[in-house]
Amino acid sequence: MRQLFIILAIIAPLLFTGQAVAQDNPAPAATYKAALQAIDKDLANELELLSQLRLKIASERPNLSTATEKIAAELREKRRQSQLAAQERDALVHSLGKLDSEVATWRDERNYIDNLLTDFRRGFEGQISTAAAHEIRSLLLASDKGGDDGLNAQVKLLKTAILRMAKSDQPRVFPGEALDSEGVAHAGTFVEIGPVAWFMENNGKLSGLINENDQLQPQVIAEIATQADISALAEGKAASAAFDPSMGAARILDEVDSSPIEHIQKGGFWIYPILLLALIATLAALMKWLQLLRIKPIKTALIRKVLQQVQNNQPKEALAGLKKIRHPAGRVLRRAIKMGSSSADDVEEALYEEYLKVMPPLERGLPLIAIASATAPLLGLLGTVTGMIHTFSLINIFGTGDAKSLSSGIAEALVTTEFGLIVAIPALILHALLSRKVSGIRTATEMASIAYVNGLKAKATE
């Protein structure tokens, strides 16, 4: 229809133009008529073609509608399948997240169980005896490995512990080897009760309590339990087998605790000058203390009585009274009385001279104590320096891996310092006490001399 309108729109102007031309020029009318007929024929042909085209379109329209509907149905199906796939994808993502959470929970539970088994393995090894640990050493080492092998070993170790707990009410007897005091292995039988174990050799020569050596191997402490007692324990009979409740710690401490002589010998060379100073200071303090004990305090009343006797011209009685005085002041006053009727100034000079004579014996020995109190810490410090030098020399040779090789130098450094302070502190205290005692005696002597001179001056002025 649209094409027909187009054709008419083209032809209509031509018709009007042809009529106008025919009116203006009537001669070629036949020509125009022929042209119009041709146009009508073409128009009829075109209309025929248009009709055929319409019929063709009408015939093809059902098939096209069917195909279009089919494509639309397929599109709807694809959309539905796409929605279902999206829903399945969301469900899978949700399921995957849930699975990840469960896997993380299972992983945490696995780690928790591994930690529990590891802690149990360490605690179990510490609770059992050395002999029992040596018996299952391979299982203990396997349980320290990671992965499934280590986990399986830990589970086996747990089962072993459960079996041991089931039999904990009776002695456990098993064969094995133990070392003697010289490190020689002996085959025999272990008898274990809880964490305590005993060993008896097959030939009956070696028996005793089991302890752990430095290499974590069972070692026999001989002469603690007899083989008869151990055999009775193995048979479940009553026995008096000795055991160590400290699990060897007391024995180790006993080995560490050395005698005083051994402790002194650890100090090296410089410990002996320190001990010599200690001896000198001790003897000097003892002698000085005995000397000062013989000196009795002088009383003021006695000095006043002696002075009165001198003033009454009774020198013999005054000298007899001074013989009872066990004090340096008595010697000083005797010198003054022997001067008789000398002037007060001469007597004062004589008293001062005698005072200077009696003071040195009182102070004798105190410098030795003072020297000891000052020198002993310095010698201890010197021993510390030499000990550290010795330690660093050993480090250059053996390195820092072996602590025993370094113990001698460290012991020398510490022991000398220890004894230096042990000597210095008492010496300092004794020097202070004795010096104060001497100072008191010196003051009493000076006061007695001054009182005597003042008495003479007072008599001269009367």
Protein backbone atom coordinates (compact mmCIF):
# COMPACT_ATOMS: atom_id res chain seq x y z
CA MET A 1 0.00 0.00 0.00
CA ARG A 2 2.79 2.34 0.82
CA GLN A 3 4.45 1.64 -2.53
CA LEU A 4 1.16 2.39 -4.36
CA PHE A 5 0.93 5.77 -2.75
CA ILE A 6 4.47 6.49 -3.78
CA ILE A 7 3.76 5.57 -7.41
CA LEU A 8 0.61 7.71 -7.50
CA ALA A 9 2.52 10.61 -6.03
CA ILE A 10 5.01 10.35 -8.90
CA ILE A 11 2.47 9.84 -11.69
CA ALA A 12 -0.04 12.54 -10.68
CA PRO A 13 2.19 15.48 -11.54
CA LEU A 14 3.05 13.89 -14.85
CA LEU A 15 -0.65 13.55 -15.76
CA PHE A 16 -1.39 17.14 -14.97
CA THR A 17 1.66 18.22 -16.90
CA GLY A 18 0.66 16.12 -19.91
CA GLN A 19 -2.83 17.58 -19.98
CA ALA A 20 -1.45 21.07 -19.82
CA VAL A 21 0.96 20.37 -22.63
CA ALA A 22 -1.85 18.77 -24.70
CA GLN A 23 -4.01 21.83 -24.35
CA ASP A 24 -1.15 24.06 -25.40
CA ASN A 25 -0.08 21.75 -28.20
CA PRO A 26 -2.90 19.45 -29.49
CA ALA A 27 -0.76 17.94 -32.20
CA PRO A 28 1.11 15.25 -30.18
CA ALA A 29 -1.92 14.07 -28.22
CA ALA A 30 -1.57 10.58 -29.51
CA THR A 31 1.91 10.44 -28.15
CA TYR A 32 0.78 11.43 -24.72
CA LYS A 33 -1.99 8.93 -24.84
CA ALA A 34 0.42 6.20 -25.62
CA ALA A 35 2.57 7.34 -22.77
CA LEU A 36 -0.41 7.25 -20.44
CA GLN A 37 -1.26 3.78 -21.55
CA ALA A 38 2.27 2.67 -20.94
CA ILE A 39 2.13 4.20 -17.54
CA ASP A 40 -1.14 2.48 -16.79
CA LYS A 41 0.32 -0.78 -17.93
CA ASP A 42 3.38 -0.28 -15.72
CA LEU A 43 1.11 0.71 -12.87
CA ALA A 44 -0.93 -2.42 -13.37
CA ASN A 45 2.21 -4.52 -13.44
CA GLU A 46 3.42 -2.87 -10.29
CA LEU A 47 0.10 -3.39 -8.62
CA GLU A 48 0.29 -7.04 -9.65
CA LEU A 49 3.71 -7.31 -8.17
CA LEU A 50 2.47 -5.58 -5.02
CA SER A 51 -0.37 -8.03 -4.78
CA GLN A 52 1.97 -10.96 -5.21
CA LEU A 53 4.28 -9.48 -2.59
CA ARG A 54 1.40 -9.14 -0.20
CA LEU A 55 0.39 -12.71 -0.80
CA LYS A 56 3.94 -13.84 -0.22
CA ILE A 57 4.15 -11.81 2.99
CA ALA A 58 0.84 -13.20 4.11
CA SER A 59 2.04 -16.74 3.38
CA GLU A 60 5.32 -16.24 5.21
CA ARG A 61 3.87 -14.43 8.22
CA PRO A 62 2.68 -17.61 10.09
CA ASN A 63 6.08 -19.22 9.77
CA LEU A 64 7.74 -15.99 10.87
CA SER A 65 5.39 -15.69 13.83
CA THR A 66 6.09 -19.29 14.77
CA ALA A 67 9.85 -18.72 14.55
CA THR A 68 9.57 -15.49 16.53
CA GLU A 69 7.50 -17.18 19.19
CA LYS A 70 9.97 -20.04 19.31
CA ILE A 71 12.90 -17.66 19.74
CA ALA A 72 10.96 -15.78 22.45
CA ALA A 73 10.25 -19.06 24.23
CA GLU A 74 13.89 -20.04 24.01
CA LEU A 75 14.85 -16.61 25.37
CA ARG A 76 12.48 -17.02 28.29
CA GLU A 77 13.88 -20.49 28.96
CA LYS A 78 17.43 -19.19 28.86
CA ARG A 79 16.52 -16.41 31.29
CA ARG A 80 14.90 -18.94 33.62
CA GLN A 81 17.96 -21.18 33.43
CA SER A 82 20.18 -18.14 34.06
CA GLN A 83 18.19 -17.27 37.18
CA LEU A 84 18.39 -20.86 38.37
CA ALA A 85 22.17 -20.87 37.74
CA ALA A 86 22.53 -17.62 39.70
CA GLN A 87 20.57 -19.11 42.58
CA GLU A 88 22.70 -22.26 42.48
CA ARG A 89 25.84 -20.11 42.41
CA ASP A 90 24.68 -18.13 45.46
CA ALA A 91 23.86 -21.37 47.23
CA LEU A 92 27.29 -22.78 46.37
CA VAL A 93 29.01 -19.59 47.58
CA HIS A 94 27.07 -19.78 50.84
CA SER A 95 27.89 -23.47 51.20
CA LEU A 96 31.55 -22.78 50.44
CA GLY A 97 31.70 -20.07 53.12
CA LYS A 98 30.10 -22.43 55.60
CA LEU A 99 32.57 -25.14 54.65
CA ASP A 100 35.46 -22.69 55.11
CA SER A 101 34.15 -21.82 58.57
CA GLU A 102 33.84 -25.51 59.45
CA VAL A 103 37.33 -26.21 58.13
CA ALA A 104 38.71 -23.32 60.23
CA THR A 105 36.90 -24.70 63.28
CA TRP A 106 38.26 -28.17 62.62
CA ARG A 107 41.74 -26.71 62.15
CA ASP A 108 41.51 -24.87 65.48
CA GLU A 109 40.31 -28.04 67.17
CA ARG A 110 43.22 -29.94 65.61
CA ASN A 111 45.70 -27.36 66.85
CA TYR A 112 44.13 -27.44 70.31
CA ILE A 113 44.35 -31.22 70.41
CA ASP A 114 47.95 -31.09 69.15
CA ASN A 115 48.83 -28.63 71.92
CA LEU A 116 47.16 -30.83 74.51
CA LEU A 117 49.03 -33.86 73.27
CA THR A 118 52.31 -31.94 73.22
CA ASP A 119 51.79 -30.67 76.77
CA PHE A 120 50.84 -34.16 77.86
CA ARG A 121 53.98 -35.56 76.25
CA ARG A 122 56.21 -33.12 78.12
CA GLY A 123 54.43 -33.62 81.42
CA PHE A 124 54.40 -37.37 81.02
CA GLU A 125 58.15 -37.52 80.41
CA GLY A 126 58.73 -35.40 83.50
CA GLN A 127 56.53 -37.61 85.68
CA ILE A 128 57.91 -41.00 84.73
CA SER A 129 61.25 -42.29 85.92
CA THR A 130 64.43 -42.08 83.90
CA ALA A 131 64.42 -45.81 83.30
CA ALA A 132 60.85 -45.75 81.94
CA ALA A 133 61.67 -42.73 79.76
CA HIS A 134 64.70 -44.55 78.41
CA GLU A 135 62.52 -47.55 77.59
CA ILE A 136 60.10 -45.52 75.43
CA ARG A 137 62.73 -43.08 74.15
CA SER A 138 61.98 -43.91 70.49
CA LEU A 139 58.26 -43.20 71.01
CA LEU A 140 59.05 -39.92 72.78
CA LEU A 141 61.33 -38.82 69.95
CA ALA A 142 58.75 -39.80 67.32
CA SER A 143 56.06 -37.79 69.11
CA ASP A 144 58.22 -34.64 68.72
CA LYS A 145 57.96 -34.87 64.93
CA GLY A 146 55.31 -32.97 63.04
CA GLY A 147 52.65 -34.26 60.67
CA ASP A 148 50.65 -37.46 60.86
CA ASP A 149 53.61 -39.53 62.11
CA GLY A 150 54.07 -37.29 65.11
CA LEU A 151 50.32 -37.30 65.81
CA ASN A 152 50.17 -41.08 65.65
CA ALA A 153 53.15 -41.31 68.00
CA GLN A 154 51.46 -38.94 70.45
CA VAL A 155 48.30 -41.05 70.38
CA LYS A 156 50.37 -44.18 71.05
CA LEU A 157 52.08 -42.37 73.90
CA LEU A 158 48.67 -41.48 75.33
CA LYS A 159 47.61 -45.12 75.15
CA THR A 160 50.84 -46.12 76.86
CA ALA A 161 50.18 -43.65 79.66
CA ILE A 162 46.63 -45.00 80.10
CA LEU A 163 47.98 -48.55 80.35
CA ARG A 164 50.55 -47.38 82.91
CA MET A 165 47.80 -45.74 84.95
CA ALA A 166 45.81 -48.97 84.89
CA LYS A 167 48.80 -50.77 86.40
CA SER A 168 49.90 -48.01 88.76
CA ASP A 169 48.82 -49.94 91.86
CA GLN A 170 51.58 -52.50 91.46
CA PRO A 171 55.33 -52.40 90.75
CA ARG A 172 56.31 -52.35 87.12
CA VAL A 173 59.20 -54.64 86.15
CA PHE A 174 60.97 -54.40 82.79
CA PRO A 175 64.46 -55.18 81.44
CA GLY A 176 66.98 -52.55 80.42
CA GLU A 177 70.46 -51.11 80.86
CA ALA A 178 71.76 -48.67 83.43
CA LEU A 179 75.11 -46.94 83.91
CA ASP A 180 77.31 -47.27 86.96
CA SER A 181 79.28 -44.41 88.54
CA GLU A 182 82.02 -44.80 85.89
CA GLY A 183 79.59 -44.66 82.96
CA VAL A 184 79.70 -48.39 82.11
CA ALA A 185 76.40 -49.91 80.97
CA HIS A 186 75.06 -52.99 82.77
CA ALA A 187 72.14 -55.15 81.70
CA GLY A 188 69.57 -55.92 84.32
CA THR A 189 66.03 -55.34 85.51
CA PHE A 190 64.24 -52.15 86.47
CA VAL A 191 61.61 -52.06 89.19
CA GLU A 192 59.46 -48.94 89.03
CA ILE A 193 56.85 -47.61 91.41
CA GLY A 194 55.43 -44.29 90.24
CA PRO A 195 58.27 -41.90 89.39
CA VAL A 196 60.84 -43.87 91.44
CA ALA A 197 62.84 -46.72 89.92
CA TRP A 198 65.46 -49.17 91.14
CA PHE A 199 67.87 -51.34 89.18
CA MET A 200 69.48 -54.69 89.84
CA GLU A 201 72.06 -56.24 87.55
CA ASN A 202 71.51 -59.73 86.26
CA ASN A 203 74.65 -61.09 87.94
CA GLY A 204 73.76 -59.40 91.21
CA LYS A 205 76.82 -57.13 91.49
CA LEU A 206 75.20 -53.75 90.86
CA SER A 207 71.98 -52.55 92.45
CA GLY A 208 70.59 -49.27 93.70
CA LEU A 209 68.35 -46.31 93.08
CA ILE A 210 68.08 -44.88 89.57
CA ASN A 211 68.98 -41.28 88.87
CA GLU A 212 69.33 -39.27 85.67
CA ASN A 213 72.81 -38.24 84.49
CA ASP A 214 73.79 -35.34 82.25
CA GLN A 215 73.05 -37.36 79.10
CA LEU A 216 69.49 -38.12 80.32
CA GLN A 217 70.40 -41.78 80.81
CA PRO A 218 69.54 -43.94 83.84
CA GLN A 219 72.44 -44.15 86.27
CA VAL A 220 72.61 -46.29 89.39
CA ILE A 221 73.21 -44.70 92.78
CA ALA A 222 74.84 -47.65 94.50
CA GLU A 223 74.66 -48.58 98.17
CA ILE A 224 71.17 -47.10 98.63
CA ALA A 225 69.00 -50.16 98.03
CA THR A 226 70.06 -53.81 98.21
CA GLN A 227 69.24 -56.37 95.57
CA ALA A 228 67.17 -58.38 98.05
CA ASP A 229 64.89 -55.41 98.70
CA ILE A 230 64.59 -54.68 94.98
CA SER A 231 63.73 -58.32 94.27
CA ALA A 232 61.09 -58.23 96.98
CA LEU A 233 59.58 -55.13 95.39
CA ALA A 234 59.54 -56.82 91.99
CA GLU A 235 57.63 -59.75 93.47
CA GLY A 236 55.13 -57.44 95.17
CA LYS A 237 56.35 -58.24 98.67
CA ALA A 238 57.03 -55.86 101.54
CA ALA A 239 60.49 -54.29 101.35
CA SER A 240 62.46 -51.38 102.78
CA ALA A 241 64.14 -50.12 99.64
CA ALA A 242 65.40 -46.58 100.08
CA PHE A 243 64.43 -43.85 97.60
CA ASP A 244 65.19 -40.18 97.04
CA PRO A 245 62.06 -37.99 97.33
CA SER A 246 63.91 -35.12 95.69
CA MET A 247 64.48 -37.25 92.56
CA GLY A 248 68.24 -36.70 92.62
CA ALA A 249 68.12 -32.98 93.38
CA ALA A 250 69.48 -33.45 96.92
CA ARG A 251 72.39 -35.49 95.61
CA ILE A 252 73.18 -32.85 93.00
CA LEU A 253 73.09 -30.13 95.65
CA ASP A 254 75.36 -32.23 97.84
CA GLU A 255 77.83 -32.52 94.98
CA VAL A 256 77.62 -28.79 94.31
CA ASP A 257 78.15 -27.84 97.98
CA SER A 258 81.90 -28.03 98.46
CA SER A 259 83.87 -28.08 101.68
CA PRO A 260 85.37 -24.85 103.06
CA ILE A 261 88.83 -25.88 101.89
CA GLU A 262 87.58 -26.65 98.37
CA HIS A 263 85.70 -23.37 98.34
CA ILE A 264 88.87 -21.50 99.31
CA GLN A 265 90.89 -23.31 96.65
CA LYS A 266 88.52 -22.03 93.98
CA GLY A 267 89.75 -18.50 94.70
CA GLY A 268 93.09 -19.07 93.01
CA PHE A 269 96.34 -17.34 93.98
CA TRP A 270 94.94 -14.10 95.38
CA ILE A 271 92.84 -15.85 98.00
CA TYR A 272 95.95 -16.59 100.07
CA PRO A 273 97.06 -12.94 100.56
CA ILE A 274 93.48 -12.18 101.59
CA LEU A 275 93.54 -15.02 104.13
CA LEU A 276 96.93 -13.79 105.40
CA LEU A 277 95.45 -10.33 105.94
CA ALA A 278 92.52 -11.93 107.74
CA LEU A 279 94.91 -13.80 110.05
CA ILE A 280 96.95 -10.67 110.77
CA ALA A 281 93.84 -8.57 111.45
CA THR A 282 92.38 -11.28 113.69
CA LEU A 283 95.55 -11.66 115.77
CA ALA A 284 95.98 -7.89 116.04
CA ALA A 285 92.36 -7.40 117.09
CA LEU A 286 92.57 -10.26 119.60
CA MET A 287 95.77 -8.96 121.19
CA LYS A 288 94.47 -5.41 121.26
CA TRP A 289 91.20 -6.53 122.84
CA LEU A 290 93.06 -8.46 125.54
CA GLN A 291 95.26 -5.42 126.16
CA LEU A 292 92.26 -3.12 126.51
CA LEU A 293 90.45 -5.58 128.79
CA ARG A 294 93.30 -5.24 131.33
CA ILE A 295 92.75 -1.47 131.48
CA LYS A 296 90.13 -0.63 134.08
CA PRO A 297 88.21 2.67 134.08
CA ILE A 298 89.64 5.36 136.37
CA LYS A 299 87.27 6.99 138.82
CA THR A 300 87.14 10.72 139.44
CA ALA A 301 86.96 10.21 143.21
CA LEU A 302 90.27 8.34 143.17
CA ILE A 303 91.99 11.18 141.29
CA ARG A 304 90.55 13.67 143.75
CA LYS A 305 91.84 11.58 146.69
CA VAL A 306 95.33 11.31 145.19
CA LEU A 307 95.43 15.03 144.57
CA GLN A 308 94.37 15.70 148.18
CA GLN A 309 97.10 13.42 149.49
CA VAL A 310 99.67 15.26 147.38
CA GLN A 311 98.42 18.57 148.69
CA ASN A 312 98.75 17.20 152.28
CA ASN A 313 102.38 16.21 151.60
CA GLN A 314 101.58 12.48 151.59
CA PRO A 315 103.32 11.34 148.37
CA LYS A 316 103.85 7.78 149.57
CA GLU A 317 100.18 7.29 150.28
CA ALA A 318 99.35 8.84 146.89
CA LEU A 319 101.75 6.50 145.10
CA ALA A 320 100.33 3.54 146.97
CA GLY A 321 96.84 4.53 145.88
CA LEU A 322 97.93 4.85 142.23
CA LYS A 323 99.31 1.29 142.23
CA LYS A 324 95.74 0.04 142.33
CA ILE A 325 94.91 1.89 139.10
CA ARG A 326 95.21 -0.30 135.95
CA HIS A 327 95.05 2.61 133.59
CA PRO A 328 97.63 4.72 131.66
CA ALA A 329 96.51 7.67 133.76
CA GLY A 330 98.07 6.01 136.82
CA ARG A 331 101.51 5.95 135.17
CA VAL A 332 101.15 9.59 134.16
CA LEU A 333 100.12 10.65 137.67
CA ARG A 334 102.95 8.68 139.27
CA ARG A 335 105.40 10.63 137.15
CA ALA A 336 103.83 13.89 138.38
CA ILE A 337 103.91 12.85 142.04
CA LYS A 338 107.57 11.88 141.80
CA MET A 339 108.41 15.41 140.69
CA GLY A 340 107.66 16.58 144.22
CA SER A 341 107.51 20.34 144.71
CA SER A 342 108.18 21.30 141.10
CA SER A 343 106.20 24.09 139.55
CA ALA A 344 102.87 23.47 137.89
CA ASP A 345 104.32 24.23 134.46
CA ASP A 346 107.10 21.69 134.91
CA VAL A 347 104.64 19.12 136.10
CA GLU A 348 102.43 19.86 133.10
CA GLU A 349 105.35 19.35 130.74
CA ALA A 350 106.25 16.10 132.49
CA LEU A 351 102.65 14.90 132.29
CA TYR A 352 102.52 15.63 128.56
CA GLU A 353 105.81 13.80 128.03
CA GLU A 354 104.55 10.78 129.91
CA TYR A 355 101.26 10.97 128.02
CA LEU A 356 103.15 10.75 124.73
CA LYS A 357 104.94 7.66 126.06
CA VAL A 358 101.84 5.77 127.09
CA MET A 359 99.80 6.46 123.91
CA PRO A 360 101.79 4.45 121.28
CA PRO A 361 101.28 1.11 123.08
CA LEU A 362 97.54 1.81 123.13
CA GLU A 363 97.45 2.46 119.39
CA ARG A 364 99.75 -0.43 118.48
CA GLY A 365 97.99 -2.98 116.23
CA LEU A 366 95.20 -0.69 115.06
CA PRO A 367 97.00 0.26 111.80
CA LEU A 368 97.27 -3.46 110.92
CA ILE A 369 93.51 -3.85 111.26
CA ALA A 370 92.93 -0.69 109.21
CA ILE A 371 95.29 -1.91 106.48
CA ALA A 372 93.49 -5.25 106.35
CA SER A 373 90.08 -3.60 106.09
CA ALA A 374 91.26 -1.40 103.21
CA THR A 375 93.48 -3.88 101.36
CA ALA A 376 91.26 -6.99 101.43
CA PRO A 377 88.58 -5.59 99.06
CA LEU A 378 91.31 -4.40 96.67
CA LEU A 379 92.85 -7.87 96.63
CA GLY A 380 89.38 -9.30 96.05
CA LEU A 381 88.91 -6.93 93.13
CA LEU A 382 92.32 -7.94 91.78
CA GLY A 383 91.28 -11.60 92.04
CA THR A 384 88.07 -10.75 90.18
CA VAL A 385 90.02 -9.16 87.35
CA THR A 386 92.46 -12.06 87.06
CA GLY A 387 89.58 -14.54 87.21
CA MET A 388 87.74 -12.80 84.38
CA ILE A 389 90.95 -12.68 82.34
CA HIS A 390 91.29 -16.41 82.90
CA THR A 391 87.64 -16.90 81.89
CA PHE A 392 88.07 -14.99 78.63
CA SER A 393 91.20 -16.99 77.87
CA LEU A 394 89.15 -20.18 78.24
CA ILE A 395 86.43 -18.72 76.03
CA ASN A 396 89.00 -18.12 73.29
CA ILE A 397 90.00 -21.79 73.52
CA PHE A 398 86.76 -23.66 74.22
CA GLY A 399 84.11 -21.09 73.29
CA THR A 400 80.98 -20.48 75.35
CA GLY A 401 79.35 -23.88 74.80
CA ASP A 402 80.97 -25.68 77.73
CA ALA A 403 80.06 -23.99 81.01
CA LYS A 404 82.24 -26.30 83.09
CA SER A 405 85.39 -25.11 81.36
CA LEU A 406 84.50 -21.52 82.33
CA SER A 407 83.55 -22.26 85.94
CA SER A 408 87.12 -22.11 87.28
CA GLY A 409 87.70 -18.53 86.12
CA ILE A 410 84.27 -17.39 87.25
CA ALA A 411 84.72 -19.08 90.63
CA GLU A 412 88.10 -17.38 91.07
CA ALA A 413 86.53 -14.00 90.28
CA LEU A 414 83.63 -14.44 92.68
CA VAL A 415 85.37 -16.22 95.55
CA THR A 416 88.13 -13.63 95.83
CA THR A 417 85.57 -10.85 95.93
CA GLU A 418 83.58 -12.77 98.53
CA PHE A 419 86.54 -13.33 100.84
CA GLY A 420 87.78 -9.78 100.32
CA LEU A 421 84.47 -8.49 101.67
CA ILE A 422 84.34 -11.14 104.40
CA VAL A 423 87.72 -9.94 105.67
CA ALA A 424 87.15 -6.21 105.15
CA ILE A 425 83.76 -5.83 106.83
CA PRO A 426 84.66 -7.44 110.22
CA ALA A 427 88.08 -5.74 110.16
CA LEU A 428 86.43 -2.37 109.61
CA ILE A 429 83.98 -2.97 112.46
CA LEU A 430 86.72 -4.17 114.84
CA HIS A 431 88.91 -1.19 113.97
CA ALA A 432 86.05 1.20 114.72
CA LEU A 433 85.24 -0.46 118.07
CA LEU A 434 88.86 -0.70 119.22
CA SER A 435 89.62 2.84 118.06
CA ARG A 436 86.69 4.13 120.07
CA LYS A 437 87.91 2.21 123.13
CA VAL A 438 91.42 3.65 122.73
CA SER A 439 89.97 7.11 122.23
CA GLY A 440 88.07 6.78 125.50
CA ILE A 441 91.22 5.75 127.37
CA ARG A 442 93.14 8.65 125.81
CA THR A 443 90.43 11.10 126.88
CA ALA A 444 90.39 9.73 130.44
CA THR A 445 94.19 10.10 130.66
CA GLU A 446 94.04 13.66 129.42
CA MET A 447 91.28 14.53 131.89
CA ALA A 448 93.25 13.02 134.82
CA SER A 449 96.36 15.00 133.83
CA ILE A 450 94.43 18.23 133.48
CA ALA A 451 92.67 17.69 136.82
CA TYR A 452 96.02 17.11 138.58
CA VAL A 453 97.63 20.23 137.05
CA ASN A 454 94.58 22.33 137.87
CA GLY A 455 94.77 21.11 141.46
CA LEU A 456 98.40 22.12 141.72
CA LYS A 457 97.66 25.54 140.28
CA ALA A 458 94.79 26.00 142.67
CA LYS A 459 97.06 25.15 145.66
CA ALA A 460 99.77 27.55 144.41
CA THR A 461 97.30 30.44 144.29
CA GLU A 462 96.12 29.95 147.87
